[in-house]
Amino acid sequence: MLDTEQLRKLVIDAIEEMKGNDIHDIDVSIKSTFTDHMVIASGTSTRHVKSISDNIIKKAKQAGIPPLGVEGEQMADWVLVDLGDVVAHIMLPDVRDFYALEKLWSVSSEGQAGGGESQV
């Protein structure tokens, strides 16, 4: 069984392997009870987004960690892969800009920068 750090690395490596863009890892363990890390990346097309998410799923299954859920595969403009301690969001750039998850999750309740985000 992989620990959270190994799972986070597996997700990032799977994204990099498929040439995902603008990868960000956000530690949300203090702000969230449903996951410890969110990994956000962009794909260049719906086909690319789907390929990246498929690779994450494949690598996770090979490591013995099947996803708890996968959302958005049909439209593939935003695919969420829930691996428990790590949730991956693979998005088209315009969808990513619109929802601005990095800003949402990296701001603390006092409105100050959270400091839990890193660009990979």
PDB file of N, CA and C in Angstrom:
ATOM      1  N   MET A   1       0.841  -1.187   0.000  1.00  0.00           N
ATOM      2  CA  MET A   1       0.000   0.000   0.000  1.00  0.00           C
ATOM      3  C   MET A   1       0.883   1.246   0.000  1.00  0.00           C
ATOM      4  N   LEU A   2       0.558   2.187  -0.843  1.00  0.00           N
ATOM      5  CA  LEU A   2       1.325   3.419  -0.935  1.00  0.00           C
ATOM      6  C   LEU A   2       0.888   4.405   0.141  1.00  0.00           C
ATOM      7  N   ASP A   3       1.858   5.158   0.686  1.00  0.00           N
ATOM      8  CA  ASP A   3       1.475   6.234   1.581  1.00  0.00           C
ATOM      9  C   ASP A   3       1.083   7.450   0.744  1.00  0.00           C
ATOM     10  N   THR A   4       0.645   8.510   1.399  1.00  0.00           N
ATOM     11  CA  THR A   4       0.143   9.688   0.681  1.00  0.00           C
ATOM     12  C   THR A   4       1.206  10.298  -0.224  1.00  0.00           C
ATOM     13  N   GLU A   5       2.421  10.402   0.256  1.00  0.00           N
ATOM     14  CA  GLU A   5       3.500  11.001  -0.540  1.00  0.00           C
ATOM     15  C   GLU A   5       3.802  10.158  -1.782  1.00  0.00           C
ATOM     16  N   GLN A   6       3.825   8.849  -1.640  1.00  0.00           N
ATOM     17  CA  GLN A   6       4.063   7.966  -2.788  1.00  0.00           C
ATOM     18  C   GLN A   6       2.924   8.059  -3.796  1.00  0.00           C
ATOM     19  N   LEU A   7       1.698   8.149  -3.298  1.00  0.00           N
ATOM     20  CA  LEU A   7       0.543   8.271  -4.179  1.00  0.00           C
ATOM     21  C   LEU A   7       0.568   9.608  -4.926  1.00  0.00           C
ATOM     22  N   ARG A   8       0.917  10.671  -4.216  1.00  0.00           N
ATOM     23  CA  ARG A   8       1.046  11.993  -4.842  1.00  0.00           C
ATOM     24  C   ARG A   8       2.091  11.945  -5.956  1.00  0.00           C
ATOM     25  N   LYS A   9       3.228  11.316  -5.681  1.00  0.00           N
ATOM     26  CA  LYS A   9       4.286  11.196  -6.689  1.00  0.00           C
ATOM     27  C   LYS A   9       3.823  10.353  -7.879  1.00  0.00           C
ATOM     28  N   LEU A  10       3.098   9.275  -7.612  1.00  0.00           N
ATOM     29  CA  LEU A  10       2.573   8.436  -8.687  1.00  0.00           C
ATOM     30  C   LEU A  10       1.678   9.253  -9.616  1.00  0.00           C
ATOM     31  N   VAL A  11       0.795  10.073  -9.043  1.00  0.00           N
ATOM     32  CA  VAL A  11      -0.114  10.897  -9.840  1.00  0.00           C
ATOM     33  C   VAL A  11       0.673  11.911 -10.673  1.00  0.00           C
ATOM     34  N   ILE A  12       1.609  12.598 -10.052  1.00  0.00           N
ATOM     35  CA  ILE A  12       2.403  13.606 -10.775  1.00  0.00           C
ATOM     36  C   ILE A  12       3.222  12.955 -11.880  1.00  0.00           C
ATOM     37  N   ASP A  13       3.831  11.808 -11.590  1.00  0.00           N
ATOM     38  CA  ASP A  13       4.609  11.094 -12.614  1.00  0.00           C
ATOM     39  C   ASP A  13       3.726  10.662 -13.779  1.00  0.00           C
ATOM     40  N   ALA A  14       2.502  10.195 -13.487  1.00  0.00           N
ATOM     41  CA  ALA A  14       1.570   9.771 -14.540  1.00  0.00           C
ATOM     42  C   ALA A  14       1.178  10.959 -15.422  1.00  0.00           C
ATOM     43  N   ILE A  15       1.005  12.124 -14.808  1.00  0.00           N
ATOM     44  CA  ILE A  15       0.674  13.331 -15.571  1.00  0.00           C
ATOM     45  C   ILE A  15       1.858  13.746 -16.438  1.00  0.00           C
ATOM     46  N   GLU A  16       3.044  13.764 -15.841  1.00  0.00           N
ATOM     47  CA  GLU A  16       4.246  14.159 -16.589  1.00  0.00           C
ATOM     48  C   GLU A  16       4.524  13.204 -17.739  1.00  0.00           C
ATOM     49  N   GLU A  17       4.289  11.919 -17.521  1.00  0.00           N
ATOM     50  CA  GLU A  17       4.504  10.905 -18.554  1.00  0.00           C
ATOM     51  C   GLU A  17       3.656  11.192 -19.801  1.00  0.00           C
ATOM     52  N   MET A  18       2.451  11.748 -19.585  1.00  0.00           N
ATOM     53  CA  MET A  18       1.552  12.055 -20.697  1.00  0.00           C
ATOM     54  C   MET A  18       1.653  13.522 -21.133  1.00  0.00           C
ATOM     55  N   LYS A  19       2.703  14.191 -20.670  1.00  0.00           N
ATOM     56  CA  LYS A  19       2.973  15.588 -21.067  1.00  0.00           C
ATOM     57  C   LYS A  19       1.876  16.554 -20.632  1.00  0.00           C
ATOM     58  N   GLY A  20       1.326  16.330 -19.421  1.00  0.00           N
ATOM     59  CA  GLY A  20       0.374  17.278 -18.853  1.00  0.00           C
ATOM     60  C   GLY A  20       1.065  18.604 -18.565  1.00  0.00           C
ATOM     61  N   ASN A  21       0.313  19.684 -18.623  1.00  0.00           N
ATOM     62  CA  ASN A  21       0.867  21.028 -18.469  1.00  0.00           C
ATOM     63  C   ASN A  21       0.522  21.641 -17.118  1.00  0.00           C
ATOM     64  N   ASP A  22       1.373  22.565 -16.680  1.00  0.00           N
ATOM     65  CA  ASP A  22       1.098  23.436 -15.533  1.00  0.00           C
ATOM     66  C   ASP A  22       0.585  22.657 -14.316  1.00  0.00           C
ATOM     67  N   ILE A  23       1.403  21.722 -13.853  1.00  0.00           N
ATOM     68  CA  ILE A  23       1.017  20.844 -12.745  1.00  0.00           C
ATOM     69  C   ILE A  23       1.199  21.584 -11.422  1.00  0.00           C
ATOM     70  N   HIS A  24       0.145  21.576 -10.613  1.00  0.00           N
ATOM     71  CA  HIS A  24       0.195  22.164  -9.279  1.00  0.00           C
ATOM     72  C   HIS A  24      -0.257  21.129  -8.263  1.00  0.00           C
ATOM     73  N   ASP A  25       0.456  21.075  -7.144  1.00  0.00           N
ATOM     74  CA  ASP A  25       0.095  20.206  -6.037  1.00  0.00           C
ATOM     75  C   ASP A  25      -0.302  21.102  -4.875  1.00  0.00           C
ATOM     76  N   ILE A  26      -1.498  20.910  -4.347  1.00  0.00           N
ATOM     77  CA  ILE A  26      -1.973  21.717  -3.232  1.00  0.00           C
ATOM     78  C   ILE A  26      -2.225  20.806  -2.037  1.00  0.00           C
ATOM     79  N   ASP A  27      -1.547  21.093  -0.935  1.00  0.00           N
ATOM     80  CA  ASP A  27      -1.760  20.364   0.307  1.00  0.00           C
ATOM     81  C   ASP A  27      -2.996  20.956   0.980  1.00  0.00           C
ATOM     82  N   VAL A  28      -4.071  20.185   1.011  1.00  0.00           N
ATOM     83  CA  VAL A  28      -5.330  20.653   1.608  1.00  0.00           C
ATOM     84  C   VAL A  28      -5.657  19.895   2.890  1.00  0.00           C
ATOM     85  N   SER A  29      -4.673  19.206   3.447  1.00  0.00           N
ATOM     86  CA  SER A  29      -4.914  18.349   4.610  1.00  0.00           C
ATOM     87  C   SER A  29      -5.435  19.121   5.814  1.00  0.00           C
ATOM     88  N   ILE A  30      -5.050  20.374   5.968  1.00  0.00           N
ATOM     89  CA  ILE A  30      -5.510  21.178   7.099  1.00  0.00           C
ATOM     90  C   ILE A  30      -6.915  21.729   6.835  1.00  0.00           C
ATOM     91  N   LYS A  31      -7.260  21.916   5.559  1.00  0.00           N
ATOM     92  CA  LYS A  31      -8.524  22.560   5.188  1.00  0.00           C
ATOM     93  C   LYS A  31      -9.623  21.571   4.811  1.00  0.00           C
ATOM     94  N   SER A  32      -9.279  20.311   4.668  1.00  0.00           N
ATOM     95  CA  SER A  32     -10.222  19.349   4.114  1.00  0.00           C
ATOM     96  C   SER A  32     -10.218  18.050   4.914  1.00  0.00           C
ATOM     97  N   THR A  33     -11.359  17.418   4.970  1.00  0.00           N
ATOM     98  CA  THR A  33     -11.443  16.097   5.601  1.00  0.00           C
ATOM     99  C   THR A  33     -11.575  14.989   4.557  1.00  0.00           C
ATOM    100  N   PHE A  34     -11.746  15.357   3.292  1.00  0.00           N
ATOM    101  CA  PHE A  34     -11.982  14.329   2.272  1.00  0.00           C
ATOM    102  C   PHE A  34     -10.739  13.943   1.492  1.00  0.00           C
ATOM    103  N   THR A  35      -9.655  14.736   1.560  1.00  0.00           N
ATOM    104  CA  THR A  35      -8.418  14.391   0.881  1.00  0.00           C
ATOM    105  C   THR A  35      -7.275  15.181   1.497  1.00  0.00           C
ATOM    106  N   ASP A  36      -6.048  14.763   1.206  1.00  0.00           N
ATOM    107  CA  ASP A  36      -4.864  15.472   1.704  1.00  0.00           C
ATOM    108  C   ASP A  36      -4.221  16.343   0.638  1.00  0.00           C
ATOM    109  N   HIS A  37      -4.275  15.892  -0.609  1.00  0.00           N
ATOM    110  CA  HIS A  37      -3.641  16.634  -1.703  1.00  0.00           C
ATOM    111  C   HIS A  37      -4.564  16.709  -2.907  1.00  0.00           C
ATOM    112  N   MET A  38      -4.523  17.860  -3.560  1.00  0.00           N
ATOM    113  CA  MET A  38      -5.144  18.017  -4.864  1.00  0.00           C
ATOM    114  C   MET A  38      -4.024  18.291  -5.859  1.00  0.00           C
ATOM    115  N   VAL A  39      -4.014  17.512  -6.918  1.00  0.00           N
ATOM    116  CA  VAL A  39      -3.058  17.731  -7.998  1.00  0.00           C
ATOM    117  C   VAL A  39      -3.875  18.212  -9.187  1.00  0.00           C
ATOM    118  N   ILE A  40      -3.512  19.382  -9.691  1.00  0.00           N
ATOM    119  CA  ILE A  40      -4.247  20.007 -10.789  1.00  0.00           C
ATOM    120  C   ILE A  40      -3.306  20.155 -11.974  1.00  0.00           C
ATOM    121  N   ALA A  41      -3.788  19.790 -13.155  1.00  0.00           N
ATOM    122  CA  ALA A  41      -2.973  19.905 -14.368  1.00  0.00           C
ATOM    123  C   ALA A  41      -3.879  20.197 -15.551  1.00  0.00           C
ATOM    124  N   SER A  42      -3.263  20.659 -16.618  1.00  0.00           N
ATOM    125  CA  SER A  42      -4.009  20.971 -17.846  1.00  0.00           C
ATOM    126  C   SER A  42      -3.616  20.037 -18.966  1.00  0.00           C
ATOM    127  N   GLY A  43      -4.593  19.776 -19.830  1.00  0.00           N
ATOM    128  CA  GLY A  43      -4.359  19.066 -21.073  1.00  0.00           C
ATOM    129  C   GLY A  43      -4.674  20.004 -22.222  1.00  0.00           C
ATOM    130  N   THR A  44      -4.175  19.701 -23.387  1.00  0.00           N
ATOM    131  CA  THR A  44      -4.320  20.599 -24.540  1.00  0.00           C
ATOM    132  C   THR A  44      -5.618  20.404 -25.319  1.00  0.00           C
ATOM    133  N   SER A  45      -6.291  19.277 -25.096  1.00  0.00           N
ATOM    134  CA  SER A  45      -7.544  18.969 -25.795  1.00  0.00           C
ATOM    135  C   SER A  45      -8.322  17.974 -24.935  1.00  0.00           C
ATOM    136  N   THR A  46      -9.583  17.747 -25.281  1.00  0.00           N
ATOM    137  CA  THR A  46     -10.354  16.769 -24.513  1.00  0.00           C
ATOM    138  C   THR A  46      -9.727  15.378 -24.614  1.00  0.00           C
ATOM    139  N   ARG A  47      -9.185  15.055 -25.758  1.00  0.00           N
ATOM    140  CA  ARG A  47      -8.511  13.756 -25.927  1.00  0.00           C
ATOM    141  C   ARG A  47      -7.284  13.664 -25.003  1.00  0.00           C
ATOM    142  N   HIS A  48      -6.533  14.765 -24.906  1.00  0.00           N
ATOM    143  CA  HIS A  48      -5.353  14.799 -24.048  1.00  0.00           C
ATOM    144  C   HIS A  48      -5.755  14.694 -22.574  1.00  0.00           C
ATOM    145  N   VAL A  49      -6.787  15.428 -22.172  1.00  0.00           N
ATOM    146  CA  VAL A  49      -7.291  15.359 -20.795  1.00  0.00           C
ATOM    147  C   VAL A  49      -7.680  13.919 -20.463  1.00  0.00           C
ATOM    148  N   LYS A  50      -8.394  13.275 -21.354  1.00  0.00           N
ATOM    149  CA  LYS A  50      -8.833  11.885 -21.149  1.00  0.00           C
ATOM    150  C   LYS A  50      -7.634  10.938 -21.074  1.00  0.00           C
ATOM    151  N   SER A  51      -6.644  11.140 -21.937  1.00  0.00           N
ATOM    152  CA  SER A  51      -5.450  10.282 -21.928  1.00  0.00           C
ATOM    153  C   SER A  51      -4.663  10.422 -20.629  1.00  0.00           C
ATOM    154  N   ILE A  52      -4.532  11.649 -20.138  1.00  0.00           N
ATOM    155  CA  ILE A  52      -3.826  11.872 -18.876  1.00  0.00           C
ATOM    156  C   ILE A  52      -4.567  11.174 -17.735  1.00  0.00           C
ATOM    157  N   SER A  53      -5.876  11.374 -17.668  1.00  0.00           N
ATOM    158  CA  SER A  53      -6.648  10.752 -16.584  1.00  0.00           C
ATOM    159  C   SER A  53      -6.618   9.225 -16.692  1.00  0.00           C
ATOM    160  N   ASP A  54      -6.695   8.700 -17.896  1.00  0.00           N
ATOM    161  CA  ASP A  54      -6.603   7.245 -18.082  1.00  0.00           C
ATOM    162  C   ASP A  54      -5.263   6.707 -17.586  1.00  0.00           C
ATOM    163  N   ASN A  55      -4.191   7.465 -17.810  1.00  0.00           N
ATOM    164  CA  ASN A  55      -2.869   7.036 -17.355  1.00  0.00           C
ATOM    165  C   ASN A  55      -2.783   7.045 -15.832  1.00  0.00           C
ATOM    166  N   ILE A  56      -3.371   8.057 -15.199  1.00  0.00           N
ATOM    167  CA  ILE A  56      -3.407   8.091 -13.732  1.00  0.00           C
ATOM    168  C   ILE A  56      -4.141   6.856 -13.204  1.00  0.00           C
ATOM    169  N   ILE A  57      -5.286   6.558 -13.792  1.00  0.00           N
ATOM    170  CA  ILE A  57      -6.089   5.408 -13.361  1.00  0.00           C
ATOM    171  C   ILE A  57      -5.303   4.113 -13.547  1.00  0.00           C
ATOM    172  N   LYS A  58      -4.657   3.961 -14.689  1.00  0.00           N
ATOM    173  CA  LYS A  58      -3.876   2.757 -14.983  1.00  0.00           C
ATOM    174  C   LYS A  58      -2.746   2.573 -13.973  1.00  0.00           C
ATOM    175  N   LYS A  59      -1.989   3.642 -13.720  1.00  0.00           N
ATOM    176  CA  LYS A  59      -0.855   3.566 -12.792  1.00  0.00           C
ATOM    177  C   LYS A  59      -1.337   3.281 -11.364  1.00  0.00           C
ATOM    178  N   ALA A  60      -2.439   3.896 -10.968  1.00  0.00           N
ATOM    179  CA  ALA A  60      -2.974   3.664  -9.623  1.00  0.00           C
ATOM    180  C   ALA A  60      -3.425   2.208  -9.470  1.00  0.00           C
ATOM    181  N   LYS A  61      -4.118   1.677 -10.461  1.00  0.00           N
ATOM    182  CA  LYS A  61      -4.563   0.279 -10.405  1.00  0.00           C
ATOM    183  C   LYS A  61      -3.372  -0.667 -10.339  1.00  0.00           C
ATOM    184  N   GLN A  62      -2.308  -0.362 -11.118  1.00  0.00           N
ATOM    185  CA  GLN A  62      -1.106  -1.191 -11.087  1.00  0.00           C
ATOM    186  C   GLN A  62      -0.465  -1.189  -9.700  1.00  0.00           C
ATOM    187  N   ALA A  63      -0.620  -0.075  -8.973  1.00  0.00           N
ATOM    188  CA  ALA A  63      -0.071   0.039  -7.613  1.00  0.00           C
ATOM    189  C   ALA A  63      -1.034  -0.526  -6.571  1.00  0.00           C
ATOM    190  N   GLY A  64      -2.158  -1.072  -7.014  1.00  0.00           N
ATOM    191  CA  GLY A  64      -3.117  -1.667  -6.093  1.00  0.00           C
ATOM    192  C   GLY A  64      -4.075  -0.675  -5.465  1.00  0.00           C
ATOM    193  N   ILE A  65      -4.228   0.490  -6.101  1.00  0.00           N
ATOM    194  CA  ILE A  65      -5.120   1.524  -5.573  1.00  0.00           C
ATOM    195  C   ILE A  65      -6.131   1.907  -6.654  1.00  0.00           C
ATOM    196  N   PRO A  66      -7.227   1.189  -6.750  1.00  0.00           N
ATOM    197  CA  PRO A  66      -8.242   1.567  -7.734  1.00  0.00           C
ATOM    198  C   PRO A  66      -8.911   2.875  -7.304  1.00  0.00           C
ATOM    199  N   PRO A  67      -9.272   3.720  -8.252  1.00  0.00           N
ATOM    200  CA  PRO A  67      -9.929   4.985  -7.907  1.00  0.00           C
ATOM    201  C   PRO A  67     -11.236   4.759  -7.146  1.00  0.00           C
ATOM    202  N   LEU A  68     -11.500   5.655  -6.193  1.00  0.00           N
ATOM    203  CA  LEU A  68     -12.776   5.634  -5.484  1.00  0.00           C
ATOM    204  C   LEU A  68     -13.879   6.169  -6.386  1.00  0.00           C
ATOM    205  N   GLY A  69     -13.502   7.015  -7.335  1.00  0.00           N
ATOM    206  CA  GLY A  69     -14.450   7.572  -8.277  1.00  0.00           C
ATOM    207  C   GLY A  69     -13.743   8.337  -9.384  1.00  0.00           C
ATOM    208  N   VAL A  70     -14.393   8.406 -10.517  1.00  0.00           N
ATOM    209  CA  VAL A  70     -13.898   9.179 -11.660  1.00  0.00           C
ATOM    210  C   VAL A  70     -15.098   9.929 -12.226  1.00  0.00           C
ATOM    211  N   GLU A  71     -14.941  11.230 -12.391  1.00  0.00           N
ATOM    212  CA  GLU A  71     -16.031  12.068 -12.902  1.00  0.00           C
ATOM    213  C   GLU A  71     -15.558  12.838 -14.127  1.00  0.00           C
ATOM    214  N   GLY A  72     -16.457  13.033 -15.080  1.00  0.00           N
ATOM    215  CA  GLY A  72     -16.189  13.898 -16.220  1.00  0.00           C
ATOM    216  C   GLY A  72     -15.575  13.238 -17.429  1.00  0.00           C
ATOM    217  N   GLU A  73     -15.508  11.926 -17.464  1.00  0.00           N
ATOM    218  CA  GLU A  73     -14.860  11.234 -18.581  1.00  0.00           C
ATOM    219  C   GLU A  73     -15.591  11.429 -19.910  1.00  0.00           C
ATOM    220  N   GLN A  74     -16.898  11.584 -19.870  1.00  0.00           N
ATOM    221  CA  GLN A  74     -17.664  11.721 -21.107  1.00  0.00           C
ATOM    222  C   GLN A  74     -17.322  13.011 -21.852  1.00  0.00           C
ATOM    223  N   MET A  75     -17.385  14.136 -21.156  1.00  0.00           N
ATOM    224  CA  MET A  75     -17.089  15.433 -21.782  1.00  0.00           C
ATOM    225  C   MET A  75     -15.589  15.658 -21.892  1.00  0.00           C
ATOM    226  N   ALA A  76     -14.852  15.227 -20.886  1.00  0.00           N
ATOM    227  CA  ALA A  76     -13.389  15.294 -20.826  1.00  0.00           C
ATOM    228  C   ALA A  76     -12.826  16.708 -20.922  1.00  0.00           C
ATOM    229  N   ASP A  77     -13.611  17.708 -20.487  1.00  0.00           N
ATOM    230  CA  ASP A  77     -13.020  19.038 -20.376  1.00  0.00           C
ATOM    231  C   ASP A  77     -12.487  19.245 -18.955  1.00  0.00           C
ATOM    232  N   TRP A  78     -12.973  18.403 -18.011  1.00  0.00           N
ATOM    233  CA  TRP A  78     -12.486  18.371 -16.632  1.00  0.00           C
ATOM    234  C   TRP A  78     -12.740  16.961 -16.120  1.00  0.00           C
ATOM    235  N   VAL A  79     -11.675  16.217 -15.886  1.00  0.00           N
ATOM    236  CA  VAL A  79     -11.806  14.872 -15.340  1.00  0.00           C
ATOM    237  C   VAL A  79     -11.213  14.869 -13.933  1.00  0.00           C
ATOM    238  N   LEU A  80     -11.994  14.387 -12.983  1.00  0.00           N
ATOM    239  CA  LEU A  80     -11.567  14.264 -11.599  1.00  0.00           C
ATOM    240  C   LEU A  80     -11.340  12.787 -11.317  1.00  0.00           C
ATOM    241  N   VAL A  81     -10.159  12.478 -10.768  1.00  0.00           N
ATOM    242  CA  VAL A  81      -9.835  11.111 -10.375  1.00  0.00           C
ATOM    243  C   VAL A  81      -9.608  11.119  -8.865  1.00  0.00           C
ATOM    244  N   ASP A  82     -10.505  10.460  -8.126  1.00  0.00           N
ATOM    245  CA  ASP A  82     -10.440  10.427  -6.668  1.00  0.00           C
ATOM    246  C   ASP A  82      -9.718   9.161  -6.226  1.00  0.00           C
ATOM    247  N   LEU A  83      -8.526   9.356  -5.649  1.00  0.00           N
ATOM    248  CA  LEU A  83      -7.741   8.237  -5.148  1.00  0.00           C
ATOM    249  C   LEU A  83      -7.673   8.249  -3.616  1.00  0.00           C
ATOM    250  N   GLY A  84      -8.622   8.932  -2.996  1.00  0.00           N
ATOM    251  CA  GLY A  84      -8.657   8.993  -1.543  1.00  0.00           C
ATOM    252  C   GLY A  84      -7.789  10.124  -1.020  1.00  0.00           C
ATOM    253  N   ASP A  85      -6.557   9.809  -0.647  1.00  0.00           N
ATOM    254  CA  ASP A  85      -5.652  10.822  -0.098  1.00  0.00           C
ATOM    255  C   ASP A  85      -5.196  11.844  -1.137  1.00  0.00           C
ATOM    256  N   VAL A  86      -5.345  11.516  -2.405  1.00  0.00           N
ATOM    257  CA  VAL A  86      -4.970  12.422  -3.500  1.00  0.00           C
ATOM    258  C   VAL A  86      -6.120  12.459  -4.501  1.00  0.00           C
ATOM    259  N   VAL A  87      -6.514  13.672  -4.867  1.00  0.00           N
ATOM    260  CA  VAL A  87      -7.533  13.870  -5.901  1.00  0.00           C
ATOM    261  C   VAL A  87      -6.874  14.617  -7.042  1.00  0.00           C
ATOM    262  N   ALA A  88      -6.971  14.068  -8.249  1.00  0.00           N
ATOM    263  CA  ALA A  88      -6.390  14.708  -9.435  1.00  0.00           C
ATOM    264  C   ALA A  88      -7.487  15.386 -10.239  1.00  0.00           C
ATOM    265  N   HIS A  89      -7.234  16.615 -10.640  1.00  0.00           N
ATOM    266  CA  HIS A  89      -8.124  17.376 -11.513  1.00  0.00           C
ATOM    267  C   HIS A  89      -7.355  17.646 -12.797  1.00  0.00           C
ATOM    268  N   ILE A  90      -7.805  17.072 -13.901  1.00  0.00           N
ATOM    269  CA  ILE A  90      -7.178  17.306 -15.196  1.00  0.00           C
ATOM    270  C   ILE A  90      -8.185  18.099 -16.013  1.00  0.00           C
ATOM    271  N   MET A  91      -7.759  19.293 -16.478  1.00  0.00           N
ATOM    272  CA  MET A  91      -8.708  20.236 -17.062  1.00  0.00           C
ATOM    273  C   MET A  91      -8.166  20.876 -18.331  1.00  0.00           C
ATOM    274  N   LEU A  92      -9.093  21.304 -19.176  1.00  0.00           N
ATOM    275  CA  LEU A  92      -8.713  22.183 -20.279  1.00  0.00           C
ATOM    276  C   LEU A  92      -8.359  23.552 -19.692  1.00  0.00           C
ATOM    277  N   PRO A  93      -7.440  24.284 -20.297  1.00  0.00           N
ATOM    278  CA  PRO A  93      -7.015  25.571 -19.731  1.00  0.00           C
ATOM    279  C   PRO A  93      -8.148  26.565 -19.486  1.00  0.00           C
ATOM    280  N   ASP A  94      -9.120  26.672 -20.387  1.00  0.00           N
ATOM    281  CA  ASP A  94     -10.200  27.644 -20.174  1.00  0.00           C
ATOM    282  C   ASP A  94     -11.108  27.233 -19.009  1.00  0.00           C
ATOM    283  N   VAL A  95     -11.341  25.949 -18.840  1.00  0.00           N
ATOM    284  CA  VAL A  95     -12.129  25.454 -17.709  1.00  0.00           C
ATOM    285  C   VAL A  95     -11.356  25.691 -16.413  1.00  0.00           C
ATOM    286  N   ARG A  96     -10.083  25.437 -16.455  1.00  0.00           N
ATOM    287  CA  ARG A  96      -9.233  25.650 -15.275  1.00  0.00           C
ATOM    288  C   ARG A  96      -9.207  27.123 -14.874  1.00  0.00           C
ATOM    289  N   ASP A  97      -9.094  28.008 -15.845  1.00  0.00           N
ATOM    290  CA  ASP A  97      -9.114  29.448 -15.554  1.00  0.00           C
ATOM    291  C   ASP A  97     -10.452  29.864 -14.951  1.00  0.00           C
ATOM    292  N   PHE A  98     -11.537  29.328 -15.484  1.00  0.00           N
ATOM    293  CA  PHE A  98     -12.868  29.702 -15.016  1.00  0.00           C
ATOM    294  C   PHE A  98     -13.088  29.299 -13.549  1.00  0.00           C
ATOM    295  N   TYR A  99     -12.740  28.063 -13.200  1.00  0.00           N
ATOM    296  CA  TYR A  99     -12.991  27.571 -11.849  1.00  0.00           C
ATOM    297  C   TYR A  99     -11.911  27.964 -10.841  1.00  0.00           C
ATOM    298  N   ALA A 100     -10.715  28.238 -11.291  1.00  0.00           N
ATOM    299  CA  ALA A 100      -9.611  28.740 -10.449  1.00  0.00           C
ATOM    300  C   ALA A 100      -9.452  27.964  -9.140  1.00  0.00           C
ATOM    301  N   LEU A 101      -9.350  26.653  -9.239  1.00  0.00           N
ATOM    302  CA  LEU A 101      -9.224  25.824  -8.039  1.00  0.00           C
ATOM    303  C   LEU A 101      -7.991  26.171  -7.218  1.00  0.00           C
ATOM    304  N   GLU A 102      -6.903  26.524  -7.876  1.00  0.00           N
ATOM    305  CA  GLU A 102      -5.687  26.877  -7.141  1.00  0.00           C
ATOM    306  C   GLU A 102      -5.937  28.047  -6.194  1.00  0.00           C
ATOM    307  N   LYS A 103      -6.645  29.053  -6.685  1.00  0.00           N
ATOM    308  CA  LYS A 103      -6.946  30.218  -5.847  1.00  0.00           C
ATOM    309  C   LYS A 103      -7.913  29.835  -4.734  1.00  0.00           C
ATOM    310  N   LEU A 104      -8.918  29.057  -5.071  1.00  0.00           N
ATOM    311  CA  LEU A 104      -9.916  28.652  -4.091  1.00  0.00           C
ATOM    312  C   LEU A 104      -9.291  27.886  -2.930  1.00  0.00           C
ATOM    313  N   TRP A 105      -8.414  26.935  -3.216  1.00  0.00           N
ATOM    314  CA  TRP A 105      -7.867  26.064  -2.187  1.00  0.00           C
ATOM    315  C   TRP A 105      -6.584  26.573  -1.553  1.00  0.00           C
ATOM    316  N   SER A 106      -5.951  27.590  -2.121  1.00  0.00           N
ATOM    317  CA  SER A 106      -4.709  28.074  -1.523  1.00  0.00           C
ATOM    318  C   SER A 106      -4.917  29.333  -0.699  1.00  0.00           C
ATOM    319  N   VAL A 107      -6.167  29.749  -0.505  1.00  0.00           N
ATOM    320  CA  VAL A 107      -6.482  30.904   0.334  1.00  0.00           C
ATOM    321  C   VAL A 107      -7.066  30.392   1.644  1.00  0.00           C
ATOM    322  N   SER A 108      -6.500  30.843   2.752  1.00  0.00           N
ATOM    323  CA  SER A 108      -6.983  30.396   4.057  1.00  0.00           C
ATOM    324  C   SER A 108      -8.274  31.111   4.421  1.00  0.00           C
ATOM    325  N   SER A 109      -8.882  30.714   5.513  1.00  0.00           N
ATOM    326  CA  SER A 109     -10.158  31.307   5.930  1.00  0.00           C
ATOM    327  C   SER A 109     -10.007  32.774   6.300  1.00  0.00           C
ATOM    328  N   GLU A 110      -8.791  33.236   6.636  1.00  0.00           N
ATOM    329  CA  GLU A 110      -8.569  34.640   6.952  1.00  0.00           C
ATOM    330  C   GLU A 110      -8.301  35.465   5.696  1.00  0.00           C
ATOM    331  N   GLY A 111      -8.267  34.809   4.531  1.00  0.00           N
ATOM    332  CA  GLY A 111      -8.043  35.530   3.291  1.00  0.00           C
ATOM    333  C   GLY A 111      -6.579  35.698   2.938  1.00  0.00           C
ATOM    334  N   GLN A 112      -5.681  35.064   3.697  1.00  0.00           N
ATOM    335  CA  GLN A 112      -4.251  35.136   3.419  1.00  0.00           C
ATOM    336  C   GLN A 112      -3.856  33.934   2.576  1.00  0.00           C
ATOM    337  N   ALA A 113      -2.777  34.076   1.839  1.00  0.00           N
ATOM    338  CA  ALA A 113      -2.274  32.963   1.045  1.00  0.00           C
ATOM    339  C   ALA A 113      -1.955  31.801   1.970  1.00  0.00           C
ATOM    340  N   GLY A 114      -2.380  30.611   1.559  1.00  0.00           N
ATOM    341  CA  GLY A 114      -2.231  29.448   2.407  1.00  0.00           C
ATOM    342  C   GLY A 114      -0.836  28.865   2.440  1.00  0.00           C
ATOM    343  N   GLY A 115      -0.079  28.999   1.383  1.00  0.00           N
ATOM    344  CA  GLY A 115       1.269  28.474   1.369  1.00  0.00           C
ATOM    345  C   GLY A 115       1.338  26.969   1.155  1.00  0.00           C
ATOM    346  N   GLY A 116       0.207  26.302   0.929  1.00  0.00           N
ATOM    347  CA  GLY A 116       0.218  24.864   0.749  1.00  0.00           C
ATOM    348  C   GLY A 116       0.320  24.429  -0.690  1.00  0.00           C
ATOM    349  N   GLU A 117       0.549  25.350  -1.598  1.00  0.00           N
ATOM    350  CA  GLU A 117       0.568  25.011  -3.017  1.00  0.00           C
ATOM    351  C   GLU A 117       1.983  25.019  -3.535  1.00  0.00           C
ATOM    352  N   SER A 118       2.278  24.065  -4.396  1.00  0.00           N
ATOM    353  CA  SER A 118       3.572  24.075  -5.074  1.00  0.00           C
ATOM    354  C   SER A 118       3.366  23.712  -6.529  1.00  0.00           C
ATOM    355  N   GLN A 119       4.138  24.364  -7.351  1.00  0.00           N
ATOM    356  CA  GLN A 119       4.094  24.051  -8.769  1.00  0.00           C
ATOM    357  C   GLN A 119       5.135  22.982  -9.021  1.00  0.00           C
ATOM    358  N   VAL A 120       4.743  21.943  -9.743  1.00  0.00           N
ATOM    359  CA  VAL A 120       5.635  20.819  -9.993  1.00  0.00           C
ATOM    360  C   VAL A 120       6.367  21.047 -11.295  1.00  0.00           C
TER     361      VAL A 120
END
